Amino acid sequence: MKNKVIIILFFVCILAVIHVSAQGGQCPPPDNRVCAHYHDQCTSDAKCPSGSLCCLQPGCGNECKVAIQ
């Protein structure tokens, strides 16, 4: 029974990694703009449209940005 639980947890972890890496690419470099206030537009890549990643814009917060390869 214990082995079955371990195997199931292993596959759940593998599926989570595949889902996270499915977006592909990486965040573009941050631009040099200055923001009036810090505000997160996203909390994870899953919250962004397809082809976009949740990227940190220093001083501004997280934003959905089109991924670069």
C-alpha atoms as a PDB file:
ATOM      1  CA  MET A   1       0.000   0.000   0.000  1.00  0.00           C
ATOM      2  CA  LYS A   2       2.802   2.408   0.934  1.00  0.00           C
ATOM      3  CA  ASN A   3       4.546   1.769  -2.408  1.00  0.00           C
ATOM      4  CA  LYS A   4       1.368   2.610  -4.336  1.00  0.00           C
ATOM      5  CA  VAL A   5       1.056   5.941  -2.543  1.00  0.00           C
ATOM      6  CA  ILE A   6       4.692   6.778  -3.310  1.00  0.00           C
ATOM      7  CA  ILE A   7       4.238   5.891  -6.987  1.00  0.00           C
ATOM      8  CA  ILE A   8       1.077   8.004  -7.243  1.00  0.00           C
ATOM      9  CA  LEU A   9       2.799  10.985  -5.592  1.00  0.00           C
ATOM     10  CA  PHE A  10       5.737  10.589  -7.978  1.00  0.00           C
ATOM     11  CA  PHE A  11       3.468  10.770 -11.027  1.00  0.00           C
ATOM     12  CA  VAL A  12       1.570  13.754  -9.618  1.00  0.00           C
ATOM     13  CA  CYS A  13       4.884  15.600  -9.192  1.00  0.00           C
ATOM     14  CA  ILE A  14       5.952  14.713 -12.750  1.00  0.00           C
ATOM     15  CA  LEU A  15       2.650  15.998 -14.147  1.00  0.00           C
ATOM     16  CA  ALA A  16       3.033  19.247 -12.181  1.00  0.00           C
ATOM     17  CA  VAL A  17       6.518  19.802 -13.621  1.00  0.00           C
ATOM     18  CA  ILE A  18       5.270  19.105 -17.150  1.00  0.00           C
ATOM     19  CA  HIS A  19       2.389  21.564 -16.679  1.00  0.00           C
ATOM     20  CA  VAL A  20       4.671  24.310 -15.377  1.00  0.00           C
ATOM     21  CA  SER A  21       7.207  23.868 -18.188  1.00  0.00           C
ATOM     22  CA  ALA A  22       4.513  23.630 -20.877  1.00  0.00           C
ATOM     23  CA  GLN A  23       4.506  27.408 -21.331  1.00  0.00           C
ATOM     24  CA  GLY A  24       8.141  27.288 -22.481  1.00  0.00           C
ATOM     25  CA  GLY A  25      10.546  30.134 -23.021  1.00  0.00           C
ATOM     26  CA  GLN A  26      11.684  32.659 -20.474  1.00  0.00           C
ATOM     27  CA  CYS A  27      10.803  36.133 -19.308  1.00  0.00           C
ATOM     28  CA  PRO A  28      12.089  39.035 -21.388  1.00  0.00           C
ATOM     29  CA  PRO A  29      14.543  41.392 -19.683  1.00  0.00           C
ATOM     30  CA  PRO A  30      12.829  44.055 -17.549  1.00  0.00           C
ATOM     31  CA  ASP A  31      12.342  47.451 -19.124  1.00  0.00           C
ATOM     32  CA  ASN A  32      13.548  50.688 -17.520  1.00  0.00           C
ATOM     33  CA  ARG A  33      10.184  52.243 -16.698  1.00  0.00           C
ATOM     34  CA  VAL A  34       9.328  53.601 -13.272  1.00  0.00           C
ATOM     35  CA  CYS A  35       5.969  52.617 -11.758  1.00  0.00           C
ATOM     36  CA  ALA A  36       3.877  54.788  -9.457  1.00  0.00           C
ATOM     37  CA  HIS A  37       2.924  51.793  -7.295  1.00  0.00           C
ATOM     38  CA  TYR A  38       3.718  48.098  -6.894  1.00  0.00           C
ATOM     39  CA  HIS A  39       0.920  45.826  -8.153  1.00  0.00           C
ATOM     40  CA  ASP A  40       0.985  42.116  -9.083  1.00  0.00           C
ATOM     41  CA  GLN A  41      -1.066  41.396 -12.213  1.00  0.00           C
ATOM     42  CA  CYS A  42      -0.378  37.638 -11.909  1.00  0.00           C
ATOM     43  CA  THR A  43       0.807  35.136  -9.323  1.00  0.00           C
ATOM     44  CA  SER A  44       1.923  32.286 -11.606  1.00  0.00           C
ATOM     45  CA  ASP A  45       2.365  31.407 -15.288  1.00  0.00           C
ATOM     46  CA  ALA A  46      -0.965  29.560 -15.144  1.00  0.00           C
ATOM     47  CA  LYS A  47      -2.720  32.925 -14.599  1.00  0.00           C
ATOM     48  CA  CYS A  48      -1.340  34.305 -17.887  1.00  0.00           C
ATOM     49  CA  PRO A  49      -2.604  33.778 -21.449  1.00  0.00           C
ATOM     50  CA  SER A  50      -1.042  31.053 -23.566  1.00  0.00           C
ATOM     51  CA  GLY A  51       2.468  31.986 -24.678  1.00  0.00           C
ATOM     52  CA  SER A  52       2.958  34.390 -21.772  1.00  0.00           C
ATOM     53  CA  LEU A  53       4.765  34.044 -18.461  1.00  0.00           C
ATOM     54  CA  CYS A  54       4.304  35.757 -15.108  1.00  0.00           C
ATOM     55  CA  CYS A  55       7.456  37.904 -14.940  1.00  0.00           C
ATOM     56  CA  LEU A  56       8.791  40.262 -12.275  1.00  0.00           C
ATOM     57  CA  GLN A  57       9.087  43.877 -13.370  1.00  0.00           C
ATOM     58  CA  PRO A  58      11.338  45.351 -10.649  1.00  0.00           C
ATOM     59  CA  GLY A  59       9.577  48.095  -8.713  1.00  0.00           C
ATOM     60  CA  CYS A  60       6.258  47.403 -10.469  1.00  0.00           C
ATOM     61  CA  GLY A  61       5.271  43.821  -9.578  1.00  0.00           C
ATOM     62  CA  ASN A  62       4.552  40.667 -11.554  1.00  0.00           C
ATOM     63  CA  GLU A  63       3.144  41.073 -15.063  1.00  0.00           C
ATOM     64  CA  CYS A  64       2.159  38.693 -17.870  1.00  0.00           C
ATOM     65  CA  LYS A  65       4.762  39.074 -20.615  1.00  0.00           C
ATOM     66  CA  VAL A  66       5.165  37.267 -23.935  1.00  0.00           C
ATOM     67  CA  ALA A  67       7.825  34.593 -23.461  1.00  0.00           C
ATOM     68  CA  ILE A  68      11.052  34.744 -25.436  1.00  0.00           C
ATOM     69  CA  GLN A  69      12.842  31.619 -26.633  1.00  0.00           C
END
